[in-house]
Amino acid sequence: MLDDWLSATLDGGVAGRPASGPLPGGRYRLHGEGILELTPDVAASDARSVVISAGIHGNETAPIELVGELLVALEAGRLVLGAPLLVILGNIPSIRAQTRFVTTNLNRLFRRGLDQKGEEPERARALMHAVDDFFARHRHRPLHLDLHTAIRDSRYPRFAVVPYAEGEAETQPRSAWPDLAAAGMQAVLLQHRHSWTFSHYSRHYHAAEAYTLELGKVRPFGANDLDALDGMRGWLATLAQGVPPASGDVADLRFFQVAFELMRTSDTFRLTFAEDVANFSEFAVGERLAEDETEGPFVVEEAPLSVVFPNAQVELGARAALLVRPCAVPD
């Protein structure tokens, strides 16, 4: 069942298949289209409660292929399930269409009390409910890995975005930098405020350790270099088995803190640099990065800034770029 769950889901052929069944070391259960829970017969001593999501943007295929490999290995018994997993395929219509989204960006909608209507808002509500239910039943060291690929090239092709968290220190999740280093991440970007992404949802509402993980550049199915993601493959395997992950060298990671957000607030907004500029490209003091008849220009001041996720064609009111600066390794 698991070895073809992904393809059957994307082909629309899940109807009529068993909603639950056994697998080596545990059982699986379908909770809806693209929502699969794996429960071990006996949780390993180092097991965590893990959500793994992919396809929140439909054209980001490498994470979907990685998840497919993981499920095949579990089905075949090459890996024995030792931890509770919730595996999510996010925006199924956009995956089928090989587009980033259908009508609006799903990865800006993960907020309780969401009152928007439409296909993506309905999917966001369903996924939030699935995560709520899973973490209510499985509370041990909750972790959410939301797997993505980026639209453009990057100075650091594999990087983690850490959602913003606030409140009492003892209630906040701790980030595991050695785990990220061992998984092949090259950089870590620390968010500066609430962003209502899927990983932020788990961190904000469930005090989970959570990351948005960028695993290279957007490519079609079959064109991804999964060998470059061997570290992430290994991390997913250890999490599924409930065994301790490898520990990497934190010195291999570069850390950045968001300093500014550029927002598209009017139709006149534009970015002044080339459309194909790579993530983490640096701009010197005095360089103009954006122009807008309403907000005026944005000019780099005080110290250089690097740009991440630039996209001038986002919806009005949405973020058009993050501007970041290097920072020390957080405690």
Protein backbone atom coordinates (compact mmCIF):
# COMPACT_ATOMS: atom_id res chain seq x y z
CA MET A 1 0.00 0.00 0.00
CA LEU A 2 2.61 2.57 1.05
CA ASP A 3 4.87 1.94 -1.93
CA ASP A 4 2.28 3.48 -4.25
CA TRP A 5 0.40 5.80 -1.87
CA LEU A 6 2.02 8.91 -3.29
CA SER A 7 1.40 8.06 -6.92
CA ALA A 8 -2.14 6.85 -6.21
CA THR A 9 -2.91 10.07 -4.34
CA LEU A 10 -1.62 12.24 -7.16
CA ASP A 11 -3.44 10.14 -9.76
CA GLY A 12 -6.69 10.35 -7.79
CA GLY A 13 -6.82 6.58 -7.34
CA VAL A 14 -6.89 6.20 -3.54
CA ALA A 15 -10.65 5.60 -3.35
CA GLY A 16 -11.44 1.98 -2.64
CA ARG A 17 -8.04 1.20 -1.15
CA PRO A 18 -7.74 0.07 2.48
CA ALA A 19 -7.83 2.98 4.93
CA SER A 20 -5.54 1.17 7.36
CA GLY A 21 -3.29 -1.84 7.54
CA PRO A 22 -0.04 -3.33 8.85
CA LEU A 23 3.55 -2.56 7.94
CA PRO A 24 6.83 -3.78 9.46
CA GLY A 25 6.89 -2.54 13.05
CA GLY A 26 3.47 -0.90 13.09
CA ARG A 27 0.38 0.17 11.20
CA TYR A 28 -0.68 2.85 8.76
CA ARG A 29 -3.93 4.80 8.62
CA LEU A 30 -5.24 7.28 6.04
CA HIS A 31 -6.88 10.34 7.55
CA GLY A 32 -7.93 11.93 4.29
CA GLU A 33 -6.47 12.69 0.90
CA GLY A 34 -2.74 13.14 1.26
CA ILE A 35 -2.71 12.59 5.04
CA LEU A 36 -1.08 9.38 6.26
CA GLU A 37 -0.32 8.37 9.85
CA LEU A 38 2.17 5.65 10.76
CA THR A 39 2.02 4.25 14.31
CA PRO A 40 4.68 1.87 15.69
CA ASP A 41 3.73 -1.27 17.59
CA VAL A 42 6.36 -0.28 20.15
CA ALA A 43 7.92 3.16 20.16
CA ALA A 44 11.73 3.15 20.32
CA SER A 45 13.37 4.76 23.33
CA ASP A 46 14.52 7.77 21.29
CA ALA A 47 11.30 8.14 19.31
CA ARG A 48 9.92 11.58 18.61
CA SER A 49 6.45 12.62 17.41
CA VAL A 50 7.21 13.70 13.84
CA VAL A 51 5.26 15.51 11.13
CA ILE A 52 6.84 15.36 7.67
CA SER A 53 5.15 17.52 5.03
CA ALA A 54 5.93 18.03 1.36
CA GLY A 55 4.19 19.56 -1.62
CA ILE A 56 2.84 22.61 0.19
CA HIS A 57 3.89 24.24 -3.08
CA GLY A 58 2.97 21.90 -5.89
CA ASN A 59 5.99 22.39 -8.15
CA GLU A 60 8.53 21.47 -5.43
CA THR A 61 9.06 17.83 -6.28
CA ALA A 62 12.33 16.69 -4.67
CA PRO A 63 10.78 16.50 -1.17
CA ILE A 64 7.91 14.41 -2.52
CA GLU A 65 10.39 11.97 -4.06
CA LEU A 66 12.31 11.78 -0.74
CA VAL A 67 9.10 10.99 1.14
CA GLY A 68 8.31 8.33 -1.45
CA GLU A 69 11.70 6.70 -0.86
CA LEU A 70 11.08 6.69 2.90
CA LEU A 71 7.68 5.03 2.55
CA VAL A 72 9.04 2.38 0.16
CA ALA A 73 11.81 1.54 2.65
CA LEU A 74 9.28 1.21 5.49
CA GLU A 75 6.93 -0.93 3.42
CA ALA A 76 9.77 -3.24 2.36
CA GLY A 77 11.10 -3.60 5.91
CA ARG A 78 14.47 -2.03 5.10
CA LEU A 79 13.51 0.43 7.84
CA VAL A 80 11.39 -0.70 10.80
CA LEU A 81 8.95 1.87 12.12
CA GLY A 82 9.84 2.96 15.64
CA ALA A 83 8.20 6.39 15.97
CA PRO A 84 4.80 7.95 15.24
CA LEU A 85 4.84 9.79 11.93
CA LEU A 86 2.29 12.01 10.23
CA VAL A 87 3.12 12.26 6.52
CA ILE A 88 1.38 15.02 4.58
CA LEU A 89 1.10 15.84 0.89
CA GLY A 90 0.09 19.48 0.99
CA ASN A 91 -1.47 21.07 -2.08
CA ILE A 92 -2.57 18.10 -4.15
CA PRO A 93 -4.29 19.97 -7.01
CA SER A 94 -1.21 22.13 -7.50
CA ILE A 95 1.08 19.06 -7.41
CA ARG A 96 -1.04 17.48 -10.13
CA ALA A 97 -0.87 20.71 -12.16
CA GLN A 98 2.86 21.21 -11.36
CA THR A 99 2.20 24.79 -10.26
CA ARG A 100 3.21 26.60 -7.09
CA PHE A 101 -0.44 27.02 -6.06
CA VAL A 102 -3.92 27.11 -7.57
CA THR A 103 -5.41 30.41 -6.38
CA THR A 104 -3.32 31.57 -3.41
CA ASN A 105 -0.15 30.65 -1.54
CA LEU A 106 -1.06 27.83 0.84
CA ASN A 107 2.04 28.49 2.95
CA ARG A 108 0.67 31.79 4.26
CA LEU A 109 -2.63 30.40 5.58
CA PHE A 110 -1.72 28.33 8.65
CA ARG A 111 -3.40 30.41 11.31
CA ARG A 112 -6.25 29.54 13.64
CA GLY A 113 -9.37 31.55 12.95
CA LEU A 114 -8.63 31.68 9.22
CA ASP A 115 -11.80 33.03 7.57
CA GLN A 116 -10.79 32.95 3.91
CA LYS A 117 -12.73 30.80 1.46
CA GLY A 118 -11.48 28.74 -1.44
CA GLU A 119 -9.54 25.59 -2.21
CA GLU A 120 -6.28 26.49 -0.50
CA PRO A 121 -7.90 27.89 2.68
CA GLU A 122 -9.99 24.73 3.00
CA ARG A 123 -6.84 22.64 2.62
CA ALA A 124 -5.05 24.72 5.25
CA ARG A 125 -7.89 24.08 7.72
CA ALA A 126 -7.78 20.34 7.02
CA LEU A 127 -4.01 20.20 7.53
CA MET A 128 -4.15 22.26 10.72
CA HIS A 129 -6.78 19.87 12.08
CA ALA A 130 -4.63 16.86 11.19
CA VAL A 131 -1.60 18.33 12.97
CA ASP A 132 -3.68 19.29 16.01
CA ASP A 133 -5.07 15.77 16.28
CA PHE A 134 -1.67 14.13 15.82
CA PHE A 135 0.16 16.24 18.40
CA ALA A 136 -2.73 15.84 20.86
CA ARG A 137 -2.15 12.06 20.78
CA HIS A 138 1.64 12.07 20.31
CA ARG A 139 3.32 14.70 22.47
CA HIS A 140 6.85 13.43 23.00
CA ARG A 141 9.44 15.89 21.68
CA PRO A 142 7.28 17.08 18.76
CA LEU A 143 9.07 17.86 15.51
CA HIS A 144 7.80 19.18 12.18
CA LEU A 145 9.91 19.11 9.02
CA ASP A 146 8.22 21.00 6.18
CA LEU A 147 10.21 20.12 3.05
CA HIS A 148 10.51 22.56 0.15
CA THR A 149 12.69 23.57 -2.79
CA ALA A 150 13.34 27.18 -3.79
CA ILE A 151 12.33 28.95 -6.98
CA ARG A 152 15.87 30.23 -7.66
CA ASP A 153 19.52 29.37 -7.25
CA SER A 154 21.17 30.01 -3.91
CA ARG A 155 24.62 30.60 -2.44
CA TYR A 156 23.48 27.94 0.06
CA PRO A 157 21.21 25.53 -1.86
CA ARG A 158 20.15 23.70 1.31
CA PHE A 159 19.04 25.89 4.18
CA ALA A 160 16.65 25.86 7.12
CA VAL A 161 14.19 28.60 8.04
CA VAL A 162 13.48 28.64 11.79
CA PRO A 163 10.02 30.06 12.59
CA TYR A 164 9.69 32.88 15.08
CA ALA A 165 8.76 31.94 18.64
CA GLU A 166 7.92 34.04 21.66
CA GLY A 167 6.90 33.57 25.28
CA GLU A 168 8.43 31.96 28.30
CA ALA A 169 11.80 30.36 27.51
CA GLU A 170 10.91 26.99 28.98
CA THR A 171 7.85 26.66 26.72
CA GLN A 172 9.75 27.32 23.51
CA PRO A 173 11.16 24.56 21.30
CA ARG A 174 14.91 24.19 21.14
CA SER A 175 16.51 24.00 17.73
CA ALA A 176 19.06 21.23 17.14
CA TRP A 177 21.86 22.74 15.07
CA PRO A 178 23.98 19.51 14.95
CA ASP A 179 20.98 17.65 13.49
CA LEU A 180 20.66 20.23 10.72
CA ALA A 181 24.37 20.11 9.98
CA ALA A 182 24.34 16.31 9.74
CA ALA A 183 21.30 16.49 7.44
CA GLY A 184 23.36 18.49 4.95
CA MET A 185 21.98 21.95 5.64
CA GLN A 186 24.40 24.74 4.78
CA ALA A 187 22.69 27.76 6.32
CA VAL A 188 20.08 28.66 8.92
CA LEU A 189 17.75 31.65 8.64
CA LEU A 190 16.09 32.91 11.84
CA GLN A 191 12.68 34.52 11.34
CA HIS A 192 11.96 37.77 13.16
CA ARG A 193 8.18 37.68 13.47
CA HIS A 194 5.12 35.50 12.93
CA SER A 195 4.82 34.36 9.33
CA TRP A 196 1.94 31.79 9.41
CA THR A 197 3.74 29.15 7.40
CA PHE A 198 3.10 25.45 8.07
CA SER A 199 6.24 25.00 10.16
CA HIS A 200 5.40 28.18 12.08
CA TYR A 201 1.99 26.69 12.89
CA SER A 202 3.54 23.71 14.68
CA ARG A 203 6.10 25.86 16.49
CA HIS A 204 3.60 28.54 17.54
CA TYR A 205 0.60 26.43 18.53
CA HIS A 206 2.27 23.17 19.62
CA ALA A 207 5.72 24.28 20.87
CA ALA A 208 7.23 21.86 18.38
CA GLU A 209 10.74 22.05 17.04
CA ALA A 210 9.95 22.99 13.45
CA TYR A 211 11.72 24.02 10.28
CA THR A 212 10.97 24.98 6.72
CA LEU A 213 13.75 23.13 4.90
CA GLU A 214 14.82 24.30 1.45
CA LEU A 215 16.40 21.37 -0.39
CA GLY A 216 17.76 22.89 -3.57
CA LYS A 217 15.97 24.34 -6.57
CA VAL A 218 12.54 23.62 -8.05
CA ARG A 219 12.72 20.91 -10.73
CA PRO A 220 10.15 18.58 -12.33
CA PHE A 221 9.65 15.02 -11.17
CA GLY A 222 12.55 12.81 -12.25
CA ALA A 223 15.02 15.69 -12.67
CA ASN A 224 16.06 16.02 -9.03
CA ASP A 225 19.54 15.13 -7.74
CA LEU A 226 18.51 13.14 -4.67
CA ASP A 227 22.10 12.08 -4.03
CA ALA A 228 22.76 15.68 -2.94
CA LEU A 229 20.08 15.14 -0.28
CA ASP A 230 21.61 12.03 1.24
CA GLY A 231 22.01 13.74 4.61
CA MET A 232 18.30 14.58 4.71
CA ARG A 233 17.47 11.05 3.59
CA GLY A 234 19.46 9.78 6.57
CA TRP A 235 17.73 12.11 9.02
CA LEU A 236 14.28 11.03 7.85
CA ALA A 237 15.30 7.37 8.23
CA THR A 238 16.52 7.80 11.81
CA LEU A 239 13.38 9.73 12.75
CA ALA A 240 11.15 7.00 11.30
CA GLN A 241 13.03 4.33 13.23
CA GLY A 242 13.12 6.35 16.45
CA VAL A 243 16.90 6.17 16.76
CA PRO A 244 19.32 9.04 17.53
CA PRO A 245 20.30 11.08 14.47
CA ALA A 246 23.84 11.70 13.35
CA SER A 247 25.52 14.76 14.85
CA GLY A 248 27.10 17.24 12.47
CA ASP A 249 29.57 20.08 12.93
CA VAL A 250 27.73 23.33 13.67
CA ALA A 251 30.75 25.19 12.26
CA ASP A 252 29.60 24.01 8.83
CA LEU A 253 26.42 26.13 9.15
CA ARG A 254 26.10 29.82 8.34
CA PHE A 255 23.53 31.70 10.43
CA PHE A 256 21.43 34.68 9.32
CA GLN A 257 18.81 36.84 11.02
CA VAL A 258 15.99 38.56 9.14
CA ALA A 259 16.47 42.33 9.36
CA PHE A 260 13.71 43.60 7.04
CA GLU A 261 10.81 42.39 4.92
CA LEU A 262 9.96 43.98 1.60
CA MET A 263 6.20 43.95 1.08
CA ARG A 264 4.33 44.44 -2.17
CA THR A 265 1.83 47.07 -1.09
CA SER A 266 0.91 48.51 -4.49
CA ASP A 267 0.91 47.69 -8.17
CA THR A 268 3.88 50.03 -8.65
CA PHE A 269 6.17 47.97 -6.42
CA ARG A 270 9.23 46.53 -8.10
CA LEU A 271 12.58 45.04 -7.13
CA THR A 272 15.48 46.88 -8.71
CA PHE A 273 17.89 43.95 -9.06
CA ALA A 274 17.90 41.15 -11.63
CA GLU A 275 15.04 38.65 -11.49
CA ASP A 276 17.43 35.68 -11.43
CA VAL A 277 19.56 36.86 -8.49
CA ALA A 278 20.43 33.96 -6.19
CA ASN A 279 19.23 33.63 -2.61
CA PHE A 280 21.71 35.09 -0.10
CA SER A 281 23.19 37.47 -2.68
CA GLU A 282 24.65 40.43 -0.81
CA PHE A 283 24.05 44.13 -1.51
CA ALA A 284 26.28 46.94 -0.28
CA VAL A 285 25.34 50.01 1.72
CA GLY A 286 23.78 52.59 -0.58
CA GLU A 287 22.29 50.13 -3.07
CA ARG A 288 18.60 50.58 -3.90
CA LEU A 289 16.69 47.27 -3.69
CA ALA A 290 13.05 48.26 -4.26
CA GLU A 291 10.90 51.10 -5.52
CA ASP A 292 7.26 51.84 -4.77
CA GLU A 293 5.24 54.99 -5.50
CA THR A 294 3.41 54.54 -2.20
CA GLU A 295 6.18 53.46 0.18
CA GLY A 296 9.11 55.03 -1.62
CA PRO A 297 12.49 53.37 -2.32
CA PHE A 298 14.30 50.93 -0.05
CA VAL A 299 18.03 51.64 0.21
CA VAL A 300 20.55 49.55 2.15
CA GLU A 301 21.77 51.44 5.22
CA GLU A 302 24.29 50.83 8.02
CA ALA A 303 25.55 47.40 6.86
CA PRO A 304 25.24 45.11 3.81
CA LEU A 305 22.07 43.03 3.40
CA SER A 306 21.51 39.71 1.65
CA VAL A 307 18.26 38.89 -0.12
CA VAL A 308 16.27 35.65 0.32
CA PHE A 309 13.06 34.58 -1.45
CA PRO A 310 12.79 37.63 -3.75
CA ASN A 311 9.62 37.59 -5.83
CA ALA A 312 8.11 40.87 -7.02
CA GLN A 313 5.08 39.10 -8.50
CA VAL A 314 3.49 38.03 -5.21
CA GLU A 315 -0.07 39.04 -4.36
CA LEU A 316 -0.69 42.55 -3.04
CA GLY A 317 0.00 42.67 0.67
CA ALA A 318 2.37 39.70 0.50
CA ARG A 319 6.09 39.51 1.20
CA ALA A 320 8.27 40.19 -1.83
CA ALA A 321 11.65 39.47 -0.20
CA LEU A 322 13.46 38.89 3.06
CA LEU A 323 16.57 40.95 3.77
CA VAL A 324 19.00 39.26 6.15
CA ARG A 325 22.33 39.74 7.89
CA PRO A 326 24.81 37.21 9.31
CA CYS A 327 24.48 36.52 13.03
CA ALA A 328 26.14 34.45 15.73
CA VAL A 329 25.07 30.88 16.48
CA PRO A 330 22.02 31.14 18.77
CA ASP A 331 22.27 29.56 22.22
